[in-house]
């Protein structure tokens, strides 16, 4: 029995306002092609099908079109989908009864009095060959009055206890068949997209405390970086379907393929731009402004030679001196014919005025519009280095202050809720 494990599709997601509906459609189609080529028997989707609790019509249609295509794949006998923290459990689970007729099992939420719904038998040629403990994202029960550390510890114990109960039920109901588990959580020791190792916080779970001895494969979702957890070959994150941030620029995406007839052998199917040309390509550029200008022009020339129809999404991180309106400056430098799209542009250094304010120890909440504007005018009234003349004269300063007061008064009059 060949199983394909995937997670974190985030259908309907955007990147800084740029829609990714065509990209996700192409990736789902590539998954269908992989399933057909590999003769996959079972598909496991470990949460975050959608990017938010109220997915768009397009994202919803995309999901159901995929399930329709999946049902037409002759090799597929089992599909198990669990909700992640981005999914609405009720929205995902609403058509569960209908989908079960197609042998598509969707578990959006748990019921402590009905654990049977989280125990899903897997069939091959009509015979039960394995069983899945399909545990969706577990919401923290919440402990009012407790510290964050106490709440984290209580949440972890809650998750561990729940898995033990579901695993015990699966073993009792379906003895002597391989057991698979699904989950959507942070695993202590797992790595984020930026390769940061997660510690014991943020409601994270020590997977070693789970009943791993009874589980042949643990199909996890939540972390977007595909990975093996803490050296445990059978505990894996499939990673996200798309690159969800610029921290993943150089990271490969993949599907995990596991054959139960060879339980110690795990294969991965990389997802590359050669296989799916619609994948958004990204690059991260860092350095001072002079280096950024040079790198951008070189990258533009290279991209033009490649003759690609797709813009290359760029994240800029200025590590040098603060540069005001940096994005506009670099966009103008590239020109209208640029195949580069500057999506994110950051100055690592603070604006000198912000930095000066931060050093003063004052709180922004304590400042009134009049005080803030007066400080700005004071800075503009000092002699400049160029010719020793201030940008604003004393008379002009008084005029601007009067205009500010008039504007504030007008706002209060127009806004009935101002007080």
Protein backbone atom coordinates (compact mmCIF):
# COMPACT_ATOMS: atom_id res chain seq x y z
CA UNK A 1 0.00 0.00 0.00
CA UNK A 2 1.60 3.25 -1.17
CA UNK A 3 0.73 6.38 0.81
CA UNK A 4 1.29 10.00 -0.24
CA UNK A 5 1.57 12.47 2.64
CA UNK A 6 1.04 16.19 2.04
CA UNK A 7 -0.05 19.16 4.16
CA UNK A 8 -0.42 22.92 4.47
CA UNK A 9 -1.90 23.72 1.07
CA UNK A 10 -3.14 27.14 2.26
CA UNK A 11 -5.53 27.46 -0.65
CA UNK A 12 -6.56 31.08 -1.16
CA UNK A 13 -3.33 32.52 0.26
CA UNK A 14 -1.71 35.69 -1.02
CA UNK A 15 1.84 37.02 -0.96
CA UNK A 16 1.75 40.74 -0.09
CA UNK A 17 -1.46 41.18 -2.06
CA UNK A 18 -0.40 38.95 -4.95
CA UNK A 19 -2.92 36.16 -5.51
CA UNK A 20 -1.70 32.60 -5.95
CA UNK A 21 -4.79 30.84 -7.22
CA UNK A 22 -3.16 29.74 -10.50
CA UNK A 23 -0.08 28.48 -8.68
CA UNK A 24 -2.05 26.37 -6.22
CA UNK A 25 -4.20 24.98 -9.06
CA UNK A 26 -1.08 23.89 -10.94
CA UNK A 27 0.39 22.31 -7.81
CA UNK A 28 -2.79 20.35 -7.10
CA UNK A 29 -2.81 19.14 -10.70
CA UNK A 30 0.81 18.03 -10.31
CA UNK A 31 -0.19 16.09 -7.19
CA UNK A 32 -2.84 14.27 -9.23
CA UNK A 33 -0.21 13.45 -11.87
CA UNK A 34 2.13 12.12 -9.15
CA UNK A 35 -0.65 9.98 -7.66
CA UNK A 36 -1.44 8.51 -11.07
CA UNK A 37 2.20 7.93 -12.00
CA UNK A 38 3.08 6.28 -8.68
CA UNK A 39 -0.20 4.35 -8.31
CA UNK A 40 -0.82 5.84 -4.88
CA UNK A 41 -3.40 3.98 -2.81
CA UNK A 42 -3.89 6.48 0.06
CA UNK A 43 -3.67 10.26 0.35
CA UNK A 44 -3.10 11.85 3.78
CA UNK A 45 -3.58 15.63 4.11
CA UNK A 46 -2.31 16.83 7.48
CA UNK A 47 -4.17 20.11 7.90
CA UNK A 48 -4.32 23.72 6.71
CA UNK A 49 -6.19 22.92 3.52
CA UNK A 50 -7.26 26.57 3.37
CA UNK A 51 -5.40 29.72 4.36
CA UNK A 52 -8.18 31.12 6.53
CA UNK A 53 -11.46 30.21 8.20
CA UNK A 54 -13.57 31.84 5.48
CA UNK A 55 -12.01 30.71 2.17
CA UNK A 56 -12.99 32.39 -1.06
CA UNK A 57 -15.29 30.80 -3.61
CA UNK A 58 -12.30 30.21 -5.88
CA UNK A 59 -10.31 28.43 -3.17
CA UNK A 60 -13.33 26.31 -2.24
CA UNK A 61 -14.00 25.41 -5.86
CA UNK A 62 -10.33 24.48 -6.27
CA UNK A 63 -10.55 22.10 -3.31
CA UNK A 64 -13.64 20.30 -4.60
CA UNK A 65 -12.33 20.15 -8.17
CA UNK A 66 -9.25 18.42 -6.76
CA UNK A 67 -11.35 15.91 -4.82
CA UNK A 68 -13.32 15.19 -7.99
CA UNK A 69 -10.12 14.50 -9.95
CA UNK A 70 -8.81 12.43 -7.05
CA UNK A 71 -11.92 10.25 -7.04
CA UNK A 72 -11.31 9.53 -10.71
CA UNK A 73 -7.80 8.17 -9.98
CA UNK A 74 -8.24 4.41 -10.20
CA UNK A 75 -5.46 3.56 -7.74
CA UNK A 76 -6.80 5.72 -4.89
CA UNK A 77 -8.90 3.85 -2.34
CA UNK A 78 -8.47 6.04 0.75
CA UNK A 79 -8.32 9.77 1.46
CA UNK A 80 -7.98 11.19 4.97
CA UNK A 81 -8.00 14.96 5.60
CA UNK A 82 -7.66 16.65 8.99
CA UNK A 83 -8.17 20.31 9.88
CA UNK A 84 -5.25 22.57 10.76
CA UNK A 85 -5.26 25.77 12.76
CA UNK A 86 -5.96 27.83 9.61
CA UNK A 87 -9.03 25.76 8.74
CA UNK A 88 -12.55 26.26 10.00
CA UNK A 89 -13.40 22.84 11.49
CA UNK A 90 -17.11 23.22 10.76
CA UNK A 91 -16.54 24.52 7.21
CA UNK A 92 -14.16 21.69 6.36
CA UNK A 93 -16.36 19.06 7.98
CA UNK A 94 -19.73 20.25 6.62
CA UNK A 95 -19.80 17.82 3.65
CA UNK A 96 -18.09 14.98 5.58
CA UNK A 97 -21.10 12.64 5.39
CA UNK A 98 -21.34 13.05 1.63
CA UNK A 99 -17.59 12.71 1.09
CA UNK A 100 -17.52 9.47 3.08
CA UNK A 101 -19.59 7.90 0.28
CA UNK A 102 -16.51 8.53 -1.90
CA UNK A 103 -14.24 7.11 0.85
CA UNK A 104 -12.91 10.60 1.61
CA UNK A 105 -12.73 11.03 5.38
CA UNK A 106 -12.62 14.59 6.74
CA UNK A 107 -12.05 15.21 10.46
CA UNK A 108 -12.37 18.86 11.42
CA UNK A 109 -12.77 18.68 15.18
CA UNK A 110 -12.80 16.17 18.00
CA UNK A 111 -15.49 14.85 20.29
CA UNK A 112 -14.08 13.30 23.45
CA UNK A 113 -17.20 11.12 23.65
CA UNK A 114 -16.92 9.92 20.06
CA UNK A 115 -13.29 8.98 19.39
CA UNK A 116 -14.38 6.42 16.77
CA UNK A 117 -14.60 9.16 14.13
CA UNK A 118 -10.84 9.74 14.48
CA UNK A 119 -10.09 6.06 13.79
CA UNK A 120 -10.16 5.50 10.03
CA UNK A 121 -9.48 2.06 8.48
CA UNK A 122 -7.48 2.01 5.24
CA UNK A 123 -8.37 -0.52 2.59
CA UNK A 124 -6.45 -2.13 -0.25
CA UNK A 125 -8.44 -4.19 -2.74
CA UNK A 126 -11.35 -3.97 -0.33
CA UNK A 127 -9.47 -5.42 2.65
CA UNK A 128 -8.44 -3.45 5.74
CA UNK A 129 -4.64 -3.14 5.64
CA UNK A 130 -4.00 -0.33 8.15
CA UNK A 131 -5.72 2.16 10.41
CA UNK A 132 -5.22 5.91 10.77
CA UNK A 133 -5.51 7.87 14.00
CA UNK A 134 -6.65 11.08 12.33
CA UNK A 135 -6.32 13.75 15.02
CA UNK A 136 -7.02 17.31 13.80
CA UNK A 137 -5.53 20.47 15.26
CA UNK A 138 -6.38 20.44 18.95
CA UNK A 139 -7.48 23.76 20.40
CA UNK A 140 -6.06 24.59 23.81
CA UNK A 141 -8.70 24.14 26.53
CA UNK A 142 -7.42 27.33 28.18
CA UNK A 143 -6.61 27.76 31.85
CA UNK A 144 -7.65 31.20 33.18
CA UNK A 145 -5.29 32.56 35.83
CA UNK A 146 -2.43 30.26 34.87
CA UNK A 147 0.95 31.38 33.55
CA UNK A 148 1.89 30.82 29.91
CA UNK A 149 4.33 28.08 30.94
CA UNK A 150 1.60 26.30 32.93
CA UNK A 151 -0.81 26.58 30.01
CA UNK A 152 1.80 25.19 27.60
CA UNK A 153 2.49 22.23 29.88
CA UNK A 154 -1.23 21.55 30.32
CA UNK A 155 -1.83 21.74 26.58
CA UNK A 156 0.97 19.27 25.87
CA UNK A 157 -0.42 16.81 28.41
CA UNK A 158 -3.89 17.25 26.92
CA UNK A 159 -2.58 16.38 23.43
CA UNK A 160 -0.57 13.39 24.72
CA UNK A 161 -3.58 12.01 26.59
CA UNK A 162 -5.83 12.40 23.57
CA UNK A 163 -3.42 10.56 21.27
CA UNK A 164 -3.06 7.74 23.78
CA UNK A 165 -6.83 7.30 23.96
CA UNK A 166 -7.23 7.29 20.17
CA UNK A 167 -4.28 4.92 19.66
CA UNK A 168 -5.63 2.52 22.32
CA UNK A 169 -9.04 2.54 20.63
CA UNK A 170 -7.48 1.88 17.20
CA UNK A 171 -5.42 -1.04 18.56
CA UNK A 172 -8.51 -2.53 20.22
CA UNK A 173 -10.79 -2.06 17.22
CA UNK A 174 -8.31 -3.12 14.56
CA UNK A 175 -5.74 -5.42 16.19
CA UNK A 176 -2.71 -6.68 14.29
CA UNK A 177 -2.79 -4.09 11.51
CA UNK A 178 -0.22 -1.28 11.05
CA UNK A 179 -1.09 1.96 12.79
CA UNK A 180 -0.59 5.42 11.23
CA UNK A 181 -1.12 8.73 13.03
CA UNK A 182 -1.84 12.19 11.69
CA UNK A 183 -1.46 15.50 13.49
CA UNK A 184 -1.11 19.25 13.15
CA UNK A 185 1.13 20.83 15.80
CA UNK A 186 4.58 22.20 16.58
CA UNK A 187 7.01 19.40 17.47
CA UNK A 188 9.82 20.33 19.84
CA UNK A 189 13.04 20.01 17.83
CA UNK A 190 11.31 20.73 14.52
CA UNK A 191 12.64 23.52 12.33
CA UNK A 192 10.78 26.55 11.04
CA UNK A 193 11.13 27.90 7.51
CA UNK A 194 14.18 29.92 8.58
CA UNK A 195 15.78 26.77 10.09
CA UNK A 196 15.16 28.00 13.63
CA UNK A 197 14.84 25.01 15.97
CA UNK A 198 11.62 25.09 18.00
CA UNK A 199 11.91 24.81 21.75
CA UNK A 200 9.33 23.81 24.33
CA UNK A 201 6.91 26.71 23.96
CA UNK A 202 4.14 27.98 21.66
CA UNK A 203 2.02 24.97 22.65
CA UNK A 204 4.65 22.65 21.18
CA UNK A 205 4.73 18.91 21.76
CA UNK A 206 7.58 16.55 22.67
CA UNK A 207 6.76 13.81 20.16
CA UNK A 208 8.81 11.31 22.16
CA UNK A 209 6.05 11.48 24.81
CA UNK A 210 3.47 10.25 22.28
CA UNK A 211 2.86 6.50 21.84
CA UNK A 212 5.37 6.21 18.98
CA UNK A 213 6.05 2.54 19.69
CA UNK A 214 2.59 1.72 18.34
CA UNK A 215 2.83 4.03 15.32
CA UNK A 216 4.53 2.98 12.10
CA UNK A 217 4.26 6.41 10.47
CA UNK A 218 3.40 9.82 11.91
CA UNK A 219 2.19 12.23 9.18
CA UNK A 220 2.52 15.75 10.53
CA UNK A 221 1.47 19.18 9.34
CA UNK A 222 1.98 22.76 10.62
CA UNK A 223 5.69 23.39 9.97
CA UNK A 224 6.28 24.47 6.37
CA UNK A 225 9.76 22.99 6.06
CA UNK A 226 9.73 19.29 4.98
CA UNK A 227 11.68 17.37 7.61
CA UNK A 228 12.30 14.35 9.77
CA UNK A 229 11.66 15.16 13.44
CA UNK A 230 14.53 14.62 15.89
CA UNK A 231 16.07 11.85 13.79
CA UNK A 232 12.90 9.73 13.99
CA UNK A 233 12.56 8.47 10.41
CA UNK A 234 8.88 7.64 10.79
CA UNK A 235 7.88 11.06 12.21
CA UNK A 236 7.78 13.58 9.36
CA UNK A 237 6.47 16.94 8.25
CA UNK A 238 5.53 17.00 4.57
CA UNK A 239 5.92 20.80 4.54
CA UNK A 240 3.74 23.32 2.77
CA UNK A 241 2.64 22.94 -0.84
CA UNK A 242 3.82 26.45 -1.78
CA UNK A 243 6.65 28.66 -0.56
CA UNK A 244 4.80 30.72 2.00
CA UNK A 245 7.52 33.28 2.78
CA UNK A 246 10.85 34.57 1.51
CA UNK A 247 12.56 32.51 4.22
CA UNK A 248 11.78 29.55 1.94
CA UNK A 249 13.45 30.97 -1.19
CA UNK A 250 16.08 28.26 -1.40
CA UNK A 251 13.95 25.47 0.12
CA UNK A 252 12.54 22.61 -1.94
CA UNK A 253 8.95 21.51 -1.54
CA UNK A 254 8.01 17.85 -1.75
CA UNK A 255 5.52 15.04 -1.22
CA UNK A 256 6.38 12.13 1.05
CA UNK A 257 5.80 8.63 -0.35
CA UNK A 258 5.71 5.67 2.04
CA UNK A 259 5.15 2.05 1.03
CA UNK A 260 3.82 -0.07 3.89
CA UNK A 261 5.35 -3.16 2.30
CA UNK A 262 8.78 -1.56 2.88
CA UNK A 263 8.13 0.41 6.11
CA UNK A 264 11.75 1.50 6.60
CA UNK A 265 11.99 3.11 3.16
CA UNK A 266 10.74 6.66 2.67
CA UNK A 267 10.81 8.44 -0.66
CA UNK A 268 10.22 12.09 -1.40
CA UNK A 269 8.93 13.61 -4.62
CA UNK A 270 10.48 17.09 -5.09
CA UNK A 271 8.25 19.83 -6.50
CA UNK A 272 10.33 21.95 -8.87
CA UNK A 273 9.65 24.76 -11.30
CA UNK A 274 10.61 22.36 -14.09
CA UNK A 275 7.68 20.14 -13.07
CA UNK A 276 5.31 23.01 -12.29
CA UNK A 277 6.25 26.13 -14.29
CA UNK A 278 3.55 28.13 -12.50
CA UNK A 279 5.44 28.00 -9.19
CA UNK A 280 6.22 31.50 -7.91
CA UNK A 281 9.95 32.10 -8.04
CA UNK A 282 11.46 34.20 -5.25
CA UNK A 283 14.77 35.74 -4.33
CA UNK A 284 16.08 37.50 -1.23
CA UNK A 285 18.66 40.29 -1.63
CA UNK A 286 20.56 41.77 1.31
CA UNK A 287 23.21 44.43 1.66
CA UNK A 288 23.60 48.20 1.69
CA UNK A 289 21.89 50.32 -0.94
CA UNK A 290 24.89 50.35 -3.29
CA UNK A 291 25.11 46.54 -3.24
CA UNK A 292 21.35 46.19 -3.66
CA UNK A 293 21.38 48.44 -6.73
CA UNK A 294 24.19 46.40 -8.29
CA UNK A 295 22.60 43.03 -7.48
CA UNK A 296 19.19 44.09 -8.78
CA UNK A 297 20.54 45.29 -12.12
CA UNK A 298 22.55 42.08 -12.55
CA UNK A 299 19.50 39.98 -11.66
CA UNK A 300 17.35 41.98 -14.10
CA UNK A 301 19.83 41.34 -16.92
CA UNK A 302 19.97 37.63 -16.13
CA UNK A 303 16.20 37.35 -15.94
CA UNK A 304 15.75 39.12 -19.29
CA UNK A 305 18.16 36.64 -20.90
CA UNK A 306 16.06 33.78 -19.53
CA UNK A 307 13.05 35.28 -21.34
CA UNK A 308 10.64 34.20 -18.61
CA UNK A 309 7.03 35.34 -18.76
CA UNK A 310 6.77 35.30 -14.97
CA UNK A 311 8.02 38.10 -12.72
CA UNK A 312 10.61 37.12 -10.14
CA UNK A 313 9.39 38.13 -6.67
CA UNK A 314 12.07 39.96 -4.71
CA UNK A 315 12.47 40.66 -1.00
CA UNK A 316 14.87 43.48 -0.17
CA UNK A 317 16.68 43.86 3.14
CA UNK A 318 18.82 46.98 3.40
CA UNK A 319 21.45 46.19 6.03
CA UNK A 320 23.22 49.54 5.61
CA UNK A 321 22.22 53.08 6.53
CA UNK A 322 18.54 53.96 6.57
CA UNK A 323 17.26 54.98 3.12
CA UNK A 324 13.87 56.74 2.94
CA UNK A 325 11.41 55.56 0.28
CA UNK A 326 13.77 52.73 -0.64
CA UNK A 327 11.22 50.67 -2.56
CA UNK A 328 10.31 53.56 -4.85
CA UNK A 329 14.01 54.30 -5.45
CA UNK A 330 14.81 50.70 -6.44
CA UNK A 331 11.66 50.31 -8.54
CA UNK A 332 12.57 53.47 -10.49
CA UNK A 333 16.10 52.15 -10.95
CA UNK A 334 14.79 48.93 -12.52
CA UNK A 335 12.47 50.73 -14.94
CA UNK A 336 9.08 49.83 -16.38
CA UNK A 337 10.40 46.86 -18.39
CA UNK A 338 11.74 45.03 -15.34
CA UNK A 339 10.95 41.32 -14.93
CA UNK A 340 11.55 41.77 -11.19
CA UNK A 341 8.74 42.51 -8.77
CA UNK A 342 9.89 44.02 -5.46
CA UNK A 343 7.36 42.52 -3.06
CA UNK A 344 8.96 43.30 0.31
CA UNK A 345 11.40 46.12 1.04
CA UNK A 346 12.89 46.64 4.51
CA UNK A 347 15.40 48.98 6.08
CA UNK A 348 17.18 47.10 8.85
CA UNK A 349 18.31 50.37 10.42
CA UNK A 350 15.68 52.57 12.07
CA UNK A 351 14.68 55.91 10.66
CA UNK A 352 17.00 58.34 12.54
CA UNK A 353 14.00 60.22 13.94
CA UNK A 354 12.42 56.96 15.17
CA UNK A 355 15.74 55.85 16.63
CA UNK A 356 16.14 59.16 18.46
CA UNK A 357 12.61 58.88 19.84
CA UNK A 358 13.24 55.27 20.96
CA UNK A 359 16.42 56.31 22.81
CA UNK A 360 14.55 59.08 24.63
CA UNK A 361 12.61 56.51 26.66
CA UNK A 362 9.32 58.25 25.98
CA UNK A 363 6.17 56.32 25.09
CA UNK A 364 4.26 56.99 21.91
CA UNK A 365 0.98 56.56 23.80
CA UNK A 366 1.86 59.62 25.90
CA UNK A 367 2.37 61.85 22.86
CA UNK A 368 -0.44 63.98 21.45
CA UNK A 369 -0.67 64.93 17.76
CA UNK A 370 0.27 68.49 18.73
CA UNK A 371 3.42 67.37 20.57
CA UNK A 372 4.52 65.05 17.78
CA UNK A 373 4.00 67.70 15.12
CA UNK A 374 5.75 70.35 17.21
CA UNK A 375 8.81 68.11 17.55
CA UNK A 376 8.83 67.54 13.80
CA UNK A 377 8.66 71.29 13.16
CA UNK A 378 11.44 71.88 15.67
CA UNK A 379 13.68 69.51 13.75
CA UNK A 380 12.90 71.33 10.50
CA UNK A 381 13.63 74.71 12.17
CA UNK A 382 17.25 73.90 12.97
CA UNK A 383 20.07 75.22 10.72
CA UNK A 384 20.96 72.75 7.95
CA UNK A 385 24.49 71.57 7.21
CA UNK A 386 24.31 72.76 3.58
CA UNK A 387 23.86 76.51 4.10
CA UNK A 388 23.08 76.99 7.76
CA UNK A 389 19.50 78.00 6.96
CA UNK A 390 16.50 76.16 8.51
CA UNK A 391 13.99 74.43 6.23
CA UNK A 392 11.14 76.15 8.05
CA UNK A 393 11.23 79.71 9.39
CA UNK A 394 9.76 80.74 12.74
CA UNK A 395 6.80 82.39 10.99
CA UNK A 396 6.16 79.29 8.87
CA UNK A 397 6.36 77.11 11.97
CA UNK A 398 3.60 79.08 13.64
CA UNK A 399 1.47 78.92 10.47
CA UNK A 400 1.82 75.13 10.27
CA UNK A 401 0.83 74.75 13.94
CA UNK A 402 -2.33 76.79 13.35
CA UNK A 403 -3.22 74.67 10.32
CA UNK A 404 -2.76 71.48 12.37
CA UNK A 405 -5.11 72.77 15.06
CA UNK A 406 -7.69 73.65 12.41
CA UNK A 407 -7.42 70.17 10.90
CA UNK A 408 -7.78 68.45 14.29
CA UNK A 409 -10.78 70.60 15.13
CA UNK A 410 -12.41 69.71 11.79
CA UNK A 411 -11.87 66.00 12.45
CA UNK A 412 -13.52 66.24 15.85
CA UNK A 413 -16.52 68.07 14.39
CA UNK A 414 -16.97 65.65 11.49
CA UNK A 415 -16.47 62.49 13.54
CA UNK A 416 -19.40 61.92 15.88
CA UNK A 417 -17.49 59.13 17.59
CA UNK A 418 -14.36 61.24 18.19
CA UNK A 419 -14.98 61.32 21.96
